Amino acid sequence: MKKLLLIALAAGAAVFAKKKYDESKAEQALWAEATDSVKRS
């Protein structure tokens, strides 16, 4: 039972970390686009 709980907790932490990582990448891309001094067409 403890192993199952530990696995579930680890999976939850991994999902949370992945979500935070994806949000960070999206925010970084938004800032890069907003502050890009060279306009592409």
PDB file of N, CA and C in Angstrom:
ATOM      1  N   MET A   1       0.821  -1.193   0.000  1.00  0.00           N
ATOM      2  CA  MET A   1       0.000   0.000   0.000  1.00  0.00           C
ATOM      3  C   MET A   1       0.867   1.259   0.000  1.00  0.00           C
ATOM      4  N   LYS A   2       1.950   1.235   0.773  1.00  0.00           N
ATOM      5  CA  LYS A   2       2.831   2.406   0.833  1.00  0.00           C
ATOM      6  C   LYS A   2       3.491   2.662  -0.521  1.00  0.00           C
ATOM      7  N   LYS A   3       3.869   1.591  -1.233  1.00  0.00           N
ATOM      8  CA  LYS A   3       4.500   1.748  -2.544  1.00  0.00           C
ATOM      9  C   LYS A   3       3.540   2.397  -3.533  1.00  0.00           C
ATOM     10  N   LEU A   4       2.274   1.959  -3.501  1.00  0.00           N
ATOM     11  CA  LEU A   4       1.270   2.509  -4.400  1.00  0.00           C
ATOM     12  C   LEU A   4       1.055   3.997  -4.120  1.00  0.00           C
ATOM     13  N   LEU A   5       0.998   4.359  -2.861  1.00  0.00           N
ATOM     14  CA  LEU A   5       0.836   5.755  -2.478  1.00  0.00           C
ATOM     15  C   LEU A   5       2.049   6.585  -2.910  1.00  0.00           C
ATOM     16  N   LEU A   6       3.225   6.028  -2.740  1.00  0.00           N
ATOM     17  CA  LEU A   6       4.448   6.715  -3.144  1.00  0.00           C
ATOM     18  C   LEU A   6       4.499   6.912  -4.657  1.00  0.00           C
ATOM     19  N   ILE A   7       4.085   5.894  -5.406  1.00  0.00           N
ATOM     20  CA  ILE A   7       4.061   6.002  -6.871  1.00  0.00           C
ATOM     21  C   ILE A   7       3.047   7.059  -7.307  1.00  0.00           C
ATOM     22  N   ALA A   8       1.883   7.068  -6.682  1.00  0.00           N
ATOM     23  CA  ALA A   8       0.859   8.056  -7.013  1.00  0.00           C
ATOM     24  C   ALA A   8       1.349   9.470  -6.687  1.00  0.00           C
ATOM     25  N   LEU A   9       2.012   9.615  -5.571  1.00  0.00           N
ATOM     26  CA  LEU A   9       2.549  10.915  -5.181  1.00  0.00           C
ATOM     27  C   LEU A   9       3.637  11.378  -6.164  1.00  0.00           C
ATOM     28  N   ALA A  10       4.502  10.475  -6.558  1.00  0.00           N
ATOM     29  CA  ALA A  10       5.554  10.805  -7.519  1.00  0.00           C
ATOM     30  C   ALA A  10       4.952  11.183  -8.876  1.00  0.00           C
ATOM     31  N   ALA A  11       3.924  10.458  -9.301  1.00  0.00           N
ATOM     32  CA  ALA A  11       3.269  10.771 -10.569  1.00  0.00           C
ATOM     33  C   ALA A  11       2.606  12.148 -10.501  1.00  0.00           C
ATOM     34  N   GLY A  12       1.970  12.455  -9.406  1.00  0.00           N
ATOM     35  CA  GLY A  12       1.352  13.764  -9.234  1.00  0.00           C
ATOM     36  C   GLY A  12       2.384  14.885  -9.265  1.00  0.00           C
ATOM     37  N   ALA A  13       3.501  14.659  -8.622  1.00  0.00           N
ATOM     38  CA  ALA A  13       4.575  15.661  -8.619  1.00  0.00           C
ATOM     39  C   ALA A  13       5.141  15.845 -10.025  1.00  0.00           C
ATOM     40  N   ALA A  14       5.260  14.760 -10.778  1.00  0.00           N
ATOM     41  CA  ALA A  14       5.777  14.845 -12.145  1.00  0.00           C
ATOM     42  C   ALA A  14       4.811  15.633 -13.038  1.00  0.00           C
ATOM     43  N   VAL A  15       3.530  15.389 -12.892  1.00  0.00           N
ATOM     44  CA  VAL A  15       2.529  16.113 -13.677  1.00  0.00           C
ATOM     45  C   VAL A  15       2.566  17.599 -13.327  1.00  0.00           C
ATOM     46  N   PHE A  16       2.660  17.912 -12.044  1.00  0.00           N
ATOM     47  CA  PHE A  16       2.738  19.300 -11.599  1.00  0.00           C
ATOM     48  C   PHE A  16       3.988  19.984 -12.159  1.00  0.00           C
ATOM     49  N   ALA A  17       5.126  19.311 -12.097  1.00  0.00           N
ATOM     50  CA  ALA A  17       6.378  19.879 -12.598  1.00  0.00           C
ATOM     51  C   ALA A  17       6.313  20.089 -14.105  1.00  0.00           C
ATOM     52  N   LYS A  18       5.731  19.158 -14.830  1.00  0.00           N
ATOM     53  CA  LYS A  18       5.605  19.286 -16.288  1.00  0.00           C
ATOM     54  C   LYS A  18       4.716  20.465 -16.644  1.00  0.00           C
ATOM     55  N   LYS A  19       3.628  20.629 -15.906  1.00  0.00           N
ATOM     56  CA  LYS A  19       2.713  21.745 -16.161  1.00  0.00           C
ATOM     57  C   LYS A  19       3.423  23.078 -15.921  1.00  0.00           C
ATOM     58  N   LYS A  20       4.170  23.169 -14.820  1.00  0.00           N
ATOM     59  CA  LYS A  20       4.915  24.395 -14.516  1.00  0.00           C
ATOM     60  C   LYS A  20       5.974  24.676 -15.577  1.00  0.00           C
ATOM     61  N   TYR A  21       6.648  23.615 -16.052  1.00  0.00           N
ATOM     62  CA  TYR A  21       7.677  23.760 -17.084  1.00  0.00           C
ATOM     63  C   TYR A  21       7.054  24.280 -18.372  1.00  0.00           C
ATOM     64  N   ASP A  22       5.919  23.721 -18.767  1.00  0.00           N
ATOM     65  CA  ASP A  22       5.243  24.157 -19.988  1.00  0.00           C
ATOM     66  C   ASP A  22       4.777  25.607 -19.872  1.00  0.00           C
ATOM     67  N   GLU A  23       4.252  25.983 -18.716  1.00  0.00           N
ATOM     68  CA  GLU A  23       3.823  27.369 -18.508  1.00  0.00           C
ATOM     69  C   GLU A  23       5.019  28.316 -18.601  1.00  0.00           C
ATOM     70  N   SER A  24       6.139  27.898 -18.057  1.00  0.00           N
ATOM     71  CA  SER A  24       7.345  28.718 -18.094  1.00  0.00           C
ATOM     72  C   SER A  24       7.824  28.918 -19.532  1.00  0.00           C
ATOM     73  N   LYS A  25       7.805  27.835 -20.317  1.00  0.00           N
ATOM     74  CA  LYS A  25       8.234  27.934 -21.712  1.00  0.00           C
ATOM     75  C   LYS A  25       7.307  28.852 -22.498  1.00  0.00           C
ATOM     76  N   ALA A  26       5.996  28.754 -22.250  1.00  0.00           N
ATOM     77  CA  ALA A  26       5.034  29.608 -22.943  1.00  0.00           C
ATOM     78  C   ALA A  26       5.255  31.075 -22.574  1.00  0.00           C
ATOM     79  N   GLU A  27       5.491  31.332 -21.309  1.00  0.00           N
ATOM     80  CA  GLU A  27       5.745  32.702 -20.852  1.00  0.00           C
ATOM     81  C   GLU A  27       7.037  33.241 -21.472  1.00  0.00           C
ATOM     82  N   GLN A  28       8.045  32.405 -21.534  1.00  0.00           N
ATOM     83  CA  GLN A  28       9.325  32.812 -22.119  1.00  0.00           C
ATOM     84  C   GLN A  28       9.159  33.128 -23.607  1.00  0.00           C
ATOM     85  N   ALA A  29       8.400  32.310 -24.317  1.00  0.00           N
ATOM     86  CA  ALA A  29       8.161  32.545 -25.737  1.00  0.00           C
ATOM     87  C   ALA A  29       7.380  33.842 -25.948  1.00  0.00           C
ATOM     88  N   LEU A  30       6.408  34.106 -25.089  1.00  0.00           N
ATOM     89  CA  LEU A  30       5.632  35.335 -25.182  1.00  0.00           C
ATOM     90  C   LEU A  30       6.519  36.558 -24.984  1.00  0.00           C
ATOM     91  N   TRP A  31       7.376  36.506 -23.979  1.00  0.00           N
ATOM     92  CA  TRP A  31       8.288  37.628 -23.732  1.00  0.00           C
ATOM     93  C   TRP A  31       9.280  37.797 -24.883  1.00  0.00           C
ATOM     94  N   ALA A  32       9.764  36.701 -25.429  1.00  0.00           N
ATOM     95  CA  ALA A  32      10.702  36.787 -26.546  1.00  0.00           C
ATOM     96  C   ALA A  32      10.034  37.450 -27.751  1.00  0.00           C
ATOM     97  N   GLU A  33       8.773  37.102 -27.997  1.00  0.00           N
ATOM     98  CA  GLU A  33       8.039  37.708 -29.108  1.00  0.00           C
ATOM     99  C   GLU A  33       7.768  39.182 -28.849  1.00  0.00           C
ATOM    100  N   ALA A  34       7.402  39.519 -27.623  1.00  0.00           N
ATOM    101  CA  ALA A  34       7.062  40.902 -27.283  1.00  0.00           C
ATOM    102  C   ALA A  34       8.277  41.820 -27.285  1.00  0.00           C
ATOM    103  N   THR A  35       9.435  41.291 -26.958  1.00  0.00           N
ATOM    104  CA  THR A  35      10.628  42.134 -26.853  1.00  0.00           C
ATOM    105  C   THR A  35      11.576  41.972 -28.025  1.00  0.00           C
ATOM    106  N   ASP A  36      11.186  41.213 -29.044  1.00  0.00           N
ATOM    107  CA  ASP A  36      12.027  41.016 -30.221  1.00  0.00           C
ATOM    108  C   ASP A  36      12.101  42.328 -30.994  1.00  0.00           C
ATOM    109  N   SER A  37      13.298  42.850 -31.182  1.00  0.00           N
ATOM    110  CA  SER A  37      13.444  44.147 -31.848  1.00  0.00           C
ATOM    111  C   SER A  37      13.420  44.019 -33.361  1.00  0.00           C
ATOM    112  N   VAL A  38      13.633  42.828 -33.888  1.00  0.00           N
ATOM    113  CA  VAL A  38      13.620  42.615 -35.329  1.00  0.00           C
ATOM    114  C   VAL A  38      12.248  42.086 -35.728  1.00  0.00           C
ATOM    115  N   LYS A  39      11.536  42.849 -36.544  1.00  0.00           N
ATOM    116  CA  LYS A  39      10.213  42.419 -36.985  1.00  0.00           C
ATOM    117  C   LYS A  39      10.357  41.506 -38.185  1.00  0.00           C
ATOM    118  N   ARG A  40       9.758  40.342 -38.105  1.00  0.00           N
ATOM    119  CA  ARG A  40       9.795  39.385 -39.203  1.00  0.00           C
ATOM    120  C   ARG A  40       8.480  39.468 -39.972  1.00  0.00           C
ATOM    121  N   SER A  41       8.555  39.251 -41.279  1.00  0.00           N
ATOM    122  CA  SER A  41       7.320  39.269 -42.063  1.00  0.00           C
ATOM    123  C   SER A  41       7.150  38.016 -42.883  1.00  0.00           C
TER     124      SER A  41
END
